[in-house]
Amino acid sequence: FESIADPVHFSILSLLETKSANRTVGEVAKRLGIDSVEARAAIERLRR
C-alpha cells in the first residue's frame, strides 16, 4: 500500500471497471484529469 497510497491508483482501478474498460494510458489520463506521465507511472506501479 505504501507504493500506491496516492488515491489516483484506486481511481484508475475503478475507471477500469467502467464501460470500455480496456483503456490506453492517454485515455486514463484524460478521464481522470491528470498528466500522462503521472498516469503511466501509476499504472506501472499497479502492474508490478
All heavy atoms as atom14 arrays in JSON, in Angstrom:
{
  "sequence": "FESIADPVHFSILSLLETKSANRTVGEVAKRLGIDSVEARAAIERLRR",
  "atom14_mask": [
    [1, 1, 1, 1, 1, 1, 1, 1, 1, 1, 1, 0, 0, 0],
    [1, 1, 1, 1, 1, 1, 1, 1, 1, 0, 0, 0, 0, 0],
    [1, 1, 1, 1, 1, 1, 0, 0, 0, 0, 0, 0, 0, 0],
    [1, 1, 1, 1, 1, 1, 1, 1, 0, 0, 0, 0, 0, 0],
    [1, 1, 1, 1, 1, 0, 0, 0, 0, 0, 0, 0, 0, 0],
    [1, 1, 1, 1, 1, 1, 1, 1, 0, 0, 0, 0, 0, 0],
    [1, 1, 1, 1, 1, 1, 1, 0, 0, 0, 0, 0, 0, 0],
    [1, 1, 1, 1, 1, 1, 1, 0, 0, 0, 0, 0, 0, 0],
    [1, 1, 1, 1, 1, 1, 1, 1, 1, 1, 0, 0, 0, 0],
    [1, 1, 1, 1, 1, 1, 1, 1, 1, 1, 1, 0, 0, 0],
    [1, 1, 1, 1, 1, 1, 0, 0, 0, 0, 0, 0, 0, 0],
    [1, 1, 1, 1, 1, 1, 1, 1, 0, 0, 0, 0, 0, 0],
    [1, 1, 1, 1, 1, 1, 1, 1, 0, 0, 0, 0, 0, 0],
    [1, 1, 1, 1, 1, 1, 0, 0, 0, 0, 0, 0, 0, 0],
    [1, 1, 1, 1, 1, 1, 1, 1, 0, 0, 0, 0, 0, 0],
    [1, 1, 1, 1, 1, 1, 1, 1, 0, 0, 0, 0, 0, 0],
    [1, 1, 1, 1, 1, 1, 1, 1, 1, 0, 0, 0, 0, 0],
    [1, 1, 1, 1, 1, 1, 1, 0, 0, 0, 0, 0, 0, 0],
    [1, 1, 1, 1, 1, 1, 1, 1, 1, 0, 0, 0, 0, 0],
    [1, 1, 1, 1, 1, 1, 0, 0, 0, 0, 0, 0, 0, 0],
    [1, 1, 1, 1, 1, 0, 0, 0, 0, 0, 0, 0, 0, 0],
    [1, 1, 1, 1, 1, 1, 1, 1, 0, 0, 0, 0, 0, 0],
    [1, 1, 1, 1, 1, 1, 1, 1, 1, 1, 1, 0, 0, 0],
    [1, 1, 1, 1, 1, 1, 1, 0, 0, 0, 0, 0, 0, 0],
    [1, 1, 1, 1, 1, 1, 1, 0, 0, 0, 0, 0, 0, 0],
    [1, 1, 1, 1, 0, 0, 0, 0, 0, 0, 0, 0, 0, 0],
    [1, 1, 1, 1, 1, 1, 1, 1, 1, 0, 0, 0, 0, 0],
    [1, 1, 1, 1, 1, 1, 1, 0, 0, 0, 0, 0, 0, 0],
    [1, 1, 1, 1, 1, 0, 0, 0, 0, 0, 0, 0, 0, 0],
    [1, 1, 1, 1, 1, 1, 1, 1, 1, 0, 0, 0, 0, 0],
    [1, 1, 1, 1, 1, 1, 1, 1, 1, 1, 1, 0, 0, 0],
    [1, 1, 1, 1, 1, 1, 1, 1, 0, 0, 0, 0, 0, 0],
    [1, 1, 1, 1, 0, 0, 0, 0, 0, 0, 0, 0, 0, 0],
    [1, 1, 1, 1, 1, 1, 1, 1, 0, 0, 0, 0, 0, 0],
    [1, 1, 1, 1, 1, 1, 1, 1, 0, 0, 0, 0, 0, 0],
    [1, 1, 1, 1, 1, 1, 0, 0, 0, 0, 0, 0, 0, 0],
    [1, 1, 1, 1, 1, 1, 1, 0, 0, 0, 0, 0, 0, 0],
    [1, 1, 1, 1, 1, 1, 1, 1, 1, 0, 0, 0, 0, 0],
    [1, 1, 1, 1, 1, 0, 0, 0, 0, 0, 0, 0, 0, 0],
    [1, 1, 1, 1, 1, 1, 1, 1, 1, 1, 1, 0, 0, 0],
    [1, 1, 1, 1, 1, 0, 0, 0, 0, 0, 0, 0, 0, 0],
    [1, 1, 1, 1, 1, 0, 0, 0, 0, 0, 0, 0, 0, 0],
    [1, 1, 1, 1, 1, 1, 1, 1, 0, 0, 0, 0, 0, 0],
    [1, 1, 1, 1, 1, 1, 1, 1, 1, 0, 0, 0, 0, 0],
    [1, 1, 1, 1, 1, 1, 1, 1, 1, 1, 1, 0, 0, 0],
    [1, 1, 1, 1, 1, 1, 1, 1, 0, 0, 0, 0, 0, 0],
    [1, 1, 1, 1, 1, 1, 1, 1, 1, 1, 1, 0, 0, 0],
    [1, 1, 1, 1, 1, 1, 1, 1, 1, 1, 1, 0, 0, 0]
  ],
  "atom14_positions": [
    [[0.82, -1.21, 0.0], [0.0, 0.0, 0.0], [0.85, 1.26, 0.0], [0.46, 2.28, -0.57], [-0.93, 0.0, 1.21], [-1.81, 1.22, 1.29], [-2.89, 1.36, 0.44], [-1.54, 2.24, 2.19], [-3.7, 2.49, 0.49], [-2.34, 3.37, 2.24], [-3.43, 3.5, 1.39], [0.0, 0.0, 0.0], [0.0, 0.0, 0.0], [0.0, 0.0, 0.0]],
    [[2.03, 1.19, 0.64], [2.92, 2.35, 0.68], [3.18, 2.89, -0.72], [3.26, 4.1, -0.92], [4.25, 1.96, 1.34], [4.15, 1.54, 2.79], [4.4, 2.67, 3.76], [4.9, 3.72, 3.32], [4.08, 2.52, 4.95], [0.0, 0.0, 0.0], [0.0, 0.0, 0.0], [0.0, 0.0, 0.0], [0.0, 0.0, 0.0], [0.0, 0.0, 0.0]],
    [[3.32, 1.99, -1.71], [3.67, 2.41, -3.06], [2.48, 2.92, -3.86], [2.65, 3.58, -4.89], [4.35, 1.27, -3.81], [3.46, 0.18, -3.99], [0.0, 0.0, 0.0], [0.0, 0.0, 0.0], [0.0, 0.0, 0.0], [0.0, 0.0, 0.0], [0.0, 0.0, 0.0], [0.0, 0.0, 0.0], [0.0, 0.0, 0.0], [0.0, 0.0, 0.0]],
    [[1.25, 2.6, -3.4], [0.06, 3.03, -4.15], [-0.89, 3.83, -3.25], [-2.1, 3.83, -3.48], [-0.68, 1.83, -4.78], [-1.09, 0.82, -3.71], [0.17, 1.18, -5.85], [-2.03, -0.27, -4.23], [0.0, 0.0, 0.0], [0.0, 0.0, 0.0], [0.0, 0.0, 0.0], [0.0, 0.0, 0.0], [0.0, 0.0, 0.0], [0.0, 0.0, 0.0]],
    [[-0.34, 4.48, -2.23], [-1.18, 5.21, -1.28], [-1.91, 6.38, -1.92], [-3.01, 6.75, -1.5], [-0.34, 5.7, -0.1], [0.0, 0.0, 0.0], [0.0, 0.0, 0.0], [0.0, 0.0, 0.0], [0.0, 0.0, 0.0], [0.0, 0.0, 0.0], [0.0, 0.0, 0.0], [0.0, 0.0, 0.0], [0.0, 0.0, 0.0], [0.0, 0.0, 0.0]],
    [[-1.31, 6.99, -2.94], [-1.98, 8.1, -3.62], [-3.3, 7.6, -4.2], [-3.33, 6.6, -4.93], [-1.09, 8.65, -4.74], [-1.64, 9.95, -5.32], [-2.84, 10.01, -5.65], [-0.85, 10.91, -5.45], [0.0, 0.0, 0.0], [0.0, 0.0, 0.0], [0.0, 0.0, 0.0], [0.0, 0.0, 0.0], [0.0, 0.0, 0.0], [0.0, 0.0, 0.0]],
    [[-4.42, 8.26, -3.89], [-5.75, 7.79, -4.34], [-5.88, 7.65, -5.86], [-6.81, 6.99, -6.32], [-6.69, 8.86, -3.8], [-5.97, 9.45, -2.63], [-4.52, 9.43, -3.01], [0.0, 0.0, 0.0], [0.0, 0.0, 0.0], [0.0, 0.0, 0.0], [0.0, 0.0, 0.0], [0.0, 0.0, 0.0], [0.0, 0.0, 0.0], [0.0, 0.0, 0.0]],
    [[-4.98, 8.24, -6.63], [-5.08, 8.14, -8.09], [-5.0, 6.67, -8.52], [-5.63, 6.28, -9.52], [-3.97, 8.97, -8.79], [-2.59, 8.36, -8.56], [-4.26, 9.1, -10.28], [0.0, 0.0, 0.0], [0.0, 0.0, 0.0], [0.0, 0.0, 0.0], [0.0, 0.0, 0.0], [0.0, 0.0, 0.0], [0.0, 0.0, 0.0], [0.0, 0.0, 0.0]],
    [[-4.27, 5.84, -7.77], [-4.16, 4.43, -8.14], [-5.52, 3.73, -8.04], [-5.88, 2.93, -8.91], [-3.14, 3.73, -7.22], [-1.75, 4.28, -7.35], [-1.29, 5.32, -6.57], [-0.73, 3.94, -8.17], [-0.04, 5.59, -6.89], [0.33, 4.77, -7.86], [0.0, 0.0, 0.0], [0.0, 0.0, 0.0], [0.0, 0.0, 0.0], [0.0, 0.0, 0.0]],
    [[-6.27, 4.04, -6.99], [-7.58, 3.41, -6.82], [-8.6, 4.0, -7.79], [-9.55, 3.32, -8.18], [-8.03, 3.56, -5.36], [-7.11, 2.86, -4.4], [-6.05, 3.54, -3.82], [-7.28, 1.52, -4.13], [-5.17, 2.88, -2.96], [-6.42, 0.85, -3.27], [-5.35, 1.54, -2.69], [0.0, 0.0, 0.0], [0.0, 0.0, 0.0], [0.0, 0.0, 0.0]],
    [[-8.39, 5.26, -8.18], [-9.25, 5.86, -9.21], [-9.05, 5.14, -10.55], [-10.01, 4.89, -11.29], [-8.92, 7.34, -9.36], [-9.2, 8.05, -8.17], [0.0, 0.0, 0.0], [0.0, 0.0, 0.0], [0.0, 0.0, 0.0], [0.0, 0.0, 0.0], [0.0, 0.0, 0.0], [0.0, 0.0, 0.0], [0.0, 0.0, 0.0], [0.0, 0.0, 0.0]],
    [[-7.8, 4.78, -10.84], [-7.51, 4.05, -12.08], [-8.18, 2.68, -12.06], [-8.81, 2.26, -13.04], [-5.99, 3.9, -12.28], [-5.36, 5.27, -12.58], [-5.68, 2.92, -13.41], [-3.84, 5.27, -12.6], [0.0, 0.0, 0.0], [0.0, 0.0, 0.0], [0.0, 0.0, 0.0], [0.0, 0.0, 0.0], [0.0, 0.0, 0.0], [0.0, 0.0, 0.0]],
    [[-8.08, 1.99, -10.93], [-8.69, 0.66, -10.82], [-10.2, 0.74, -11.01], [-10.8, -0.11, -11.68], [-8.36, 0.04, -9.46], [-6.88, -0.32, -9.22], [-6.69, -0.81, -7.79], [-6.41, -1.37, -10.22], [0.0, 0.0, 0.0], [0.0, 0.0, 0.0], [0.0, 0.0, 0.0], [0.0, 0.0, 0.0], [0.0, 0.0, 0.0], [0.0, 0.0, 0.0]],
    [[-10.83, 1.76, -10.42], [-12.28, 1.92, -10.57], [-12.64, 2.3, -12.01], [-13.66, 1.84, -12.55], [-12.81, 2.98, -9.59], [-12.73, 2.53, -8.27], [0.0, 0.0, 0.0], [0.0, 0.0, 0.0], [0.0, 0.0, 0.0], [0.0, 0.0, 0.0], [0.0, 0.0, 0.0], [0.0, 0.0, 0.0], [0.0, 0.0, 0.0], [0.0, 0.0, 0.0]],
    [[-11.81, 3.14, -12.64], [-12.07, 3.53, -14.02], [-12.07, 2.32, -14.94], [-12.85, 2.24, -15.89], [-11.01, 4.54, -14.48], [-11.16, 5.07, -15.91], [-12.45, 5.88, -16.05], [-9.95, 5.93, -16.29], [0.0, 0.0, 0.0], [0.0, 0.0, 0.0], [0.0, 0.0, 0.0], [0.0, 0.0, 0.0], [0.0, 0.0, 0.0], [0.0, 0.0, 0.0]],
    [[-11.2, 1.35, -14.64], [-11.11, 0.15, -15.47], [-12.32, -0.76, -15.31], [-12.47, -1.73, -16.04], [-9.83, -0.62, -15.15], [-8.53, 0.1, -15.5], [-7.32, -0.74, -15.09], [-8.46, 0.43, -16.99], [0.0, 0.0, 0.0], [0.0, 0.0, 0.0], [0.0, 0.0, 0.0], [0.0, 0.0, 0.0], [0.0, 0.0, 0.0], [0.0, 0.0, 0.0]],
    [[-13.2, -0.45, -14.35], [-14.44, -1.21, -14.18], [-15.57, -0.62, -15.02], [-16.62, -1.25, -15.18], [-14.88, -1.2, -12.72], [-14.02, -2.0, -11.77], [-14.62, -2.03, -10.39], [-15.74, -2.58, -10.25], [-14.0, -1.51, -9.45], [0.0, 0.0, 0.0], [0.0, 0.0, 0.0], [0.0, 0.0, 0.0], [0.0, 0.0, 0.0], [0.0, 0.0, 0.0]],
    [[-15.38, 0.6, -15.52], [-16.45, 1.28, -16.24], [-16.55, 0.77, -17.67], [-15.74, -0.04, -18.13], [-16.23, 2.8, -16.24], [-14.99, 3.1, -16.9], [-16.2, 3.34, -14.84], [0.0, 0.0, 0.0], [0.0, 0.0, 0.0], [0.0, 0.0, 0.0], [0.0, 0.0, 0.0], [0.0, 0.0, 0.0], [0.0, 0.0, 0.0], [0.0, 0.0, 0.0]],
    [[-17.56, 1.28, -18.39], [-17.77, 0.91, -19.79], [-16.5, 1.18, -20.6], [-15.79, 2.15, -20.35], [-18.95, 1.73, -20.35], [-19.4, 1.29, -21.72], [-20.6, 2.13, -22.16], [-21.04, 1.71, -23.56], [-22.2, 2.51, -24.03], [0.0, 0.0, 0.0], [0.0, 0.0, 0.0], [0.0, 0.0, 0.0], [0.0, 0.0, 0.0], [0.0, 0.0, 0.0]],
    [[-16.22, 0.33, -21.58], [-14.98, 0.39, -22.35], [-13.79, 0.27, -21.41], [-12.91, 1.13, -21.36], [-14.89, 1.71, -23.15], [-15.98, 1.83, -24.02], [0.0, 0.0, 0.0], [0.0, 0.0, 0.0], [0.0, 0.0, 0.0], [0.0, 0.0, 0.0], [0.0, 0.0, 0.0], [0.0, 0.0, 0.0], [0.0, 0.0, 0.0], [0.0, 0.0, 0.0]],
    [[-13.78, -0.82, -20.63], [-12.81, -0.98, -19.55], [-11.36, -1.0, -20.03], [-10.48, -0.49, -19.34], [-13.1, -2.26, -18.77], [0.0, 0.0, 0.0], [0.0, 0.0, 0.0], [0.0, 0.0, 0.0], [0.0, 0.0, 0.0], [0.0, 0.0, 0.0], [0.0, 0.0, 0.0], [0.0, 0.0, 0.0], [0.0, 0.0, 0.0], [0.0, 0.0, 0.0]],
    [[-11.07, -1.61, -21.19], [-9.69, -1.63, -21.68], [-9.32, -0.25, -22.19], [-9.83, 0.21, -23.21], [-9.54, -2.68, -22.79], [-9.72, -4.08, -22.26], [-9.85, -4.29, -21.07], [-9.73, -5.05, -23.17], [0.0, 0.0, 0.0], [0.0, 0.0, 0.0], [0.0, 0.0, 0.0], [0.0, 0.0, 0.0], [0.0, 0.0, 0.0], [0.0, 0.0, 0.0]],
    [[-8.4, 0.41, -21.51], [-8.09, 1.79, -21.84], [-6.6, 1.99, -22.04], [-5.77, 1.31, -21.43], [-8.58, 2.73, -20.73], [-10.1, 2.71, -20.56], [-10.54, 3.66, -19.47], [-11.99, 3.63, -19.27], [-12.85, 4.37, -19.99], [-12.41, 5.17, -20.92], [-14.15, 4.29, -19.76], [0.0, 0.0, 0.0], [0.0, 0.0, 0.0], [0.0, 0.0, 0.0]],
    [[-6.24, 2.99, -22.84], [-4.85, 3.36, -23.03], [-4.44, 4.32, -21.92], [-5.29, 4.86, -21.2], [-4.65, 4.06, -24.38], [-5.38, 5.31, -24.38], [-5.14, 3.2, -25.54], [0.0, 0.0, 0.0], [0.0, 0.0, 0.0], [0.0, 0.0, 0.0], [0.0, 0.0, 0.0], [0.0, 0.0, 0.0], [0.0, 0.0, 0.0], [0.0, 0.0, 0.0]],
    [[-3.14, 4.54, -21.79], [-2.64, 5.48, -20.79], [-3.22, 6.87, -21.04], [-3.62, 7.57, -20.11], [-1.1, 5.53, -20.83], [-0.57, 6.65, -19.94], [-0.5, 4.2, -20.41], [0.0, 0.0, 0.0], [0.0, 0.0, 0.0], [0.0, 0.0, 0.0], [0.0, 0.0, 0.0], [0.0, 0.0, 0.0], [0.0, 0.0, 0.0], [0.0, 0.0, 0.0]],
    [[-3.3, 7.27, -22.32], [-3.85, 8.58, -22.66], [-5.3, 8.72, -22.24], [-5.71, 9.77, -21.73], [0.0, 0.0, 0.0], [0.0, 0.0, 0.0], [0.0, 0.0, 0.0], [0.0, 0.0, 0.0], [0.0, 0.0, 0.0], [0.0, 0.0, 0.0], [0.0, 0.0, 0.0], [0.0, 0.0, 0.0], [0.0, 0.0, 0.0], [0.0, 0.0, 0.0]],
    [[-6.09, 7.67, -22.43], [-7.5, 7.71, -22.03], [-7.64, 7.81, -20.52], [-8.49, 8.55, -20.01], [-8.22, 6.46, -22.55], [-8.42, 6.44, -24.06], [-8.98, 5.11, -24.54], [-8.72, 4.08, -23.9], [-9.67, 5.12, -25.57], [0.0, 0.0, 0.0], [0.0, 0.0, 0.0], [0.0, 0.0, 0.0], [0.0, 0.0, 0.0], [0.0, 0.0, 0.0]],
    [[-6.8, 7.08, -19.79], [-6.83, 7.15, -18.33], [-6.5, 8.56, -17.86], [-7.19, 9.13, -17.01], [-5.83, 6.14, -17.73], [-5.65, 6.38, -16.22], [-6.31, 4.71, -17.97], [0.0, 0.0, 0.0], [0.0, 0.0, 0.0], [0.0, 0.0, 0.0], [0.0, 0.0, 0.0], [0.0, 0.0, 0.0], [0.0, 0.0, 0.0], [0.0, 0.0, 0.0]],
    [[-5.45, 9.15, -18.44], [-5.05, 10.5, -18.05], [-6.16, 11.52, -18.33], [-6.46, 12.38, -17.49], [-3.77, 10.89, -18.79], [0.0, 0.0, 0.0], [0.0, 0.0, 0.0], [0.0, 0.0, 0.0], [0.0, 0.0, 0.0], [0.0, 0.0, 0.0], [0.0, 0.0, 0.0], [0.0, 0.0, 0.0], [0.0, 0.0, 0.0], [0.0, 0.0, 0.0]],
    [[-6.8, 11.4, -19.49], [-7.85, 12.34, -19.87], [-9.06, 12.22, -18.96], [-9.61, 13.23, -18.5], [-8.25, 12.1, -21.32], [-9.31, 13.08, -21.83], [-9.61, 12.82, -23.3], [-10.67, 13.8, -23.81], [-10.98, 13.56, -25.26], [0.0, 0.0, 0.0], [0.0, 0.0, 0.0], [0.0, 0.0, 0.0], [0.0, 0.0, 0.0], [0.0, 0.0, 0.0]],
    [[-9.51, 10.99, -18.69], [-10.71, 10.79, -17.88], [-10.51, 11.22, -16.44], [-11.45, 11.67, -15.78], [-11.14, 9.32, -17.94], [-11.68, 8.88, -19.27], [-13.04, 9.51, -19.57], [-14.11, 8.76, -18.94], [-15.03, 9.27, -18.14], [-15.01, 10.55, -17.84], [-15.98, 8.52, -17.63], [0.0, 0.0, 0.0], [0.0, 0.0, 0.0], [0.0, 0.0, 0.0]],
    [[-9.3, 11.08, -15.91], [-9.04, 11.45, -14.51], [-8.46, 12.85, -14.37], [-8.25, 13.32, -13.26], [-8.08, 10.43, -13.87], [-8.6, 8.99, -13.78], [-7.57, 8.1, -13.1], [-9.93, 8.92, -13.03], [0.0, 0.0, 0.0], [0.0, 0.0, 0.0], [0.0, 0.0, 0.0], [0.0, 0.0, 0.0], [0.0, 0.0, 0.0], [0.0, 0.0, 0.0]],
    [[-8.22, 13.5, -15.5], [-7.71, 14.87, -15.44], [-6.31, 14.97, -14.88], [-6.0, 15.91, -14.13], [0.0, 0.0, 0.0], [0.0, 0.0, 0.0], [0.0, 0.0, 0.0], [0.0, 0.0, 0.0], [0.0, 0.0, 0.0], [0.0, 0.0, 0.0], [0.0, 0.0, 0.0], [0.0, 0.0, 0.0], [0.0, 0.0, 0.0], [0.0, 0.0, 0.0]],
    [[-5.46, 14.0, -15.21], [-4.08, 14.01, -14.72], [-3.12, 14.0, -15.89], [-3.5, 13.72, -17.03], [-3.8, 12.81, -13.79], [-4.01, 11.48, -14.54], [-4.68, 12.87, -12.55], [-3.68, 10.24, -13.73], [0.0, 0.0, 0.0], [0.0, 0.0, 0.0], [0.0, 0.0, 0.0], [0.0, 0.0, 0.0], [0.0, 0.0, 0.0], [0.0, 0.0, 0.0]],
    [[-1.85, 14.28, -15.62], [-0.81, 14.27, -16.64], [-0.55, 12.84, -17.09], [-0.62, 11.89, -16.3], [0.47, 14.88, -16.05], [1.56, 15.0, -17.09], [1.63, 16.02, -17.78], [2.37, 14.05, -17.18], [0.0, 0.0, 0.0], [0.0, 0.0, 0.0], [0.0, 0.0, 0.0], [0.0, 0.0, 0.0], [0.0, 0.0, 0.0], [0.0, 0.0, 0.0]],
    [[-0.23, 12.66, -18.37], [0.01, 11.32, -18.91], [1.22, 10.66, -18.26], [1.26, 9.43, -18.12], [0.17, 11.37, -20.43], [1.28, 12.19, -20.78], [0.0, 0.0, 0.0], [0.0, 0.0, 0.0], [0.0, 0.0, 0.0], [0.0, 0.0, 0.0], [0.0, 0.0, 0.0], [0.0, 0.0, 0.0], [0.0, 0.0, 0.0], [0.0, 0.0, 0.0]],
    [[2.2, 11.47, -17.87], [3.38, 10.92, -17.19], [2.98, 10.33, -15.83], [3.41, 9.25, -15.44], [4.47, 12.0, -17.01], [5.64, 11.46, -16.19], [4.96, 12.5, -18.36], [0.0, 0.0, 0.0], [0.0, 0.0, 0.0], [0.0, 0.0, 0.0], [0.0, 0.0, 0.0], [0.0, 0.0, 0.0], [0.0, 0.0, 0.0], [0.0, 0.0, 0.0]],
    [[2.12, 11.07, -15.11], [1.63, 10.59, -13.81], [0.81, 9.32, -13.99], [0.93, 8.36, -13.21], [0.8, 11.67, -13.13], [0.24, 11.26, -11.77], [-0.66, 12.31, -11.15], [-0.85, 13.38, -11.78], [-1.18, 12.06, -10.04], [0.0, 0.0, 0.0], [0.0, 0.0, 0.0], [0.0, 0.0, 0.0], [0.0, 0.0, 0.0], [0.0, 0.0, 0.0]],
    [[-0.02, 9.31, -15.03], [-0.86, 8.14, -15.29], [-0.01, 6.92, -15.61], [-0.25, 5.82, -15.09], [-1.82, 8.43, -16.44], [0.0, 0.0, 0.0], [0.0, 0.0, 0.0], [0.0, 0.0, 0.0], [0.0, 0.0, 0.0], [0.0, 0.0, 0.0], [0.0, 0.0, 0.0], [0.0, 0.0, 0.0], [0.0, 0.0, 0.0], [0.0, 0.0, 0.0]],
    [[1.01, 7.11, -16.44], [1.87, 5.98, -16.82], [2.62, 5.43, -15.61], [2.74, 4.21, -15.44], [2.87, 6.43, -17.9], [3.67, 5.27, -18.5], [4.6, 5.79, -19.6], [3.85, 6.44, -20.66], [3.25, 5.79, -21.65], [3.3, 4.47, -21.71], [2.62, 6.45, -22.59], [0.0, 0.0, 0.0], [0.0, 0.0, 0.0], [0.0, 0.0, 0.0]],
    [[3.12, 6.33, -14.75], [3.87, 5.88, -13.57], [2.95, 5.12, -12.61], [3.34, 4.1, -12.04], [4.49, 7.09, -12.86], [0.0, 0.0, 0.0], [0.0, 0.0, 0.0], [0.0, 0.0, 0.0], [0.0, 0.0, 0.0], [0.0, 0.0, 0.0], [0.0, 0.0, 0.0], [0.0, 0.0, 0.0], [0.0, 0.0, 0.0], [0.0, 0.0, 0.0]],
    [[1.72, 5.62, -12.4], [0.77, 4.95, -11.51], [0.39, 3.58, -12.05], [0.3, 2.61, -11.3], [-0.47, 5.82, -11.32], [0.0, 0.0, 0.0], [0.0, 0.0, 0.0], [0.0, 0.0, 0.0], [0.0, 0.0, 0.0], [0.0, 0.0, 0.0], [0.0, 0.0, 0.0], [0.0, 0.0, 0.0], [0.0, 0.0, 0.0], [0.0, 0.0, 0.0]],
    [[0.16, 3.5, -13.36], [-0.21, 2.22, -13.97], [0.92, 1.22, -13.84], [0.69, 0.03, -13.59], [-0.59, 2.44, -15.45], [-1.94, 3.18, -15.54], [-0.65, 1.11, -16.2], [-2.29, 3.64, -16.94], [0.0, 0.0, 0.0], [0.0, 0.0, 0.0], [0.0, 0.0, 0.0], [0.0, 0.0, 0.0], [0.0, 0.0, 0.0], [0.0, 0.0, 0.0]],
    [[2.15, 1.68, -13.97], [3.3, 0.78, -13.83], [3.4, 0.23, -12.41], [3.71, -0.95, -12.22], [4.59, 1.51, -14.21], [5.84, 0.65, -14.15], [5.74, -0.61, -14.99], [5.11, -0.55, -16.08], [6.27, -1.65, -14.57], [0.0, 0.0, 0.0], [0.0, 0.0, 0.0], [0.0, 0.0, 0.0], [0.0, 0.0, 0.0], [0.0, 0.0, 0.0]],
    [[3.12, 1.06, -11.41], [3.12, 0.57, -10.03], [2.05, -0.49, -9.83], [2.28, -1.51, -9.19], [2.91, 1.73, -9.05], [4.02, 2.76, -9.04], [3.82, 3.78, -7.93], [4.58, 4.99, -8.19], [4.09, 6.1, -8.71], [2.78, 6.17, -8.99], [4.85, 7.15, -8.94], [0.0, 0.0, 0.0], [0.0, 0.0, 0.0], [0.0, 0.0, 0.0]],
    [[0.88, -0.23, -10.37], [-0.22, -1.2, -10.27], [0.11, -2.48, -11.0], [-0.24, -3.58, -10.55], [-1.51, -0.59, -10.83], [-2.12, 0.58, -10.04], [-3.21, 1.26, -10.85], [-2.66, 0.11, -8.7], [0.0, 0.0, 0.0], [0.0, 0.0, 0.0], [0.0, 0.0, 0.0], [0.0, 0.0, 0.0], [0.0, 0.0, 0.0], [0.0, 0.0, 0.0]],
    [[0.81, -2.37, -12.13], [1.19, -3.55, -12.91], [2.18, -4.42, -12.12], [2.09, -5.64, -12.11], [1.79, -3.14, -14.24], [2.13, -4.33, -15.15], [2.79, -3.92, -16.45], [1.84, -3.28, -17.34], [1.88, -2.0, -17.7], [2.82, -1.2, -17.22], [0.99, -1.5, -18.53], [0.0, 0.0, 0.0], [0.0, 0.0, 0.0], [0.0, 0.0, 0.0]],
    [[3.12, -3.77, -11.43], [4.12, -4.52, -10.65], [3.46, -5.32, -9.52], [3.98, -6.36, -9.11], [5.17, -3.58, -10.07], [6.15, -3.03, -11.09], [7.4, -2.5, -10.42], [7.12, -1.39, -9.54], [7.17, -0.1, -9.89], [7.46, 0.23, -11.15], [6.91, 0.85, -9.02], [0.0, 0.0, 0.0], [0.0, 0.0, 0.0], [0.0, 0.0, 0.0]]
  ]
}
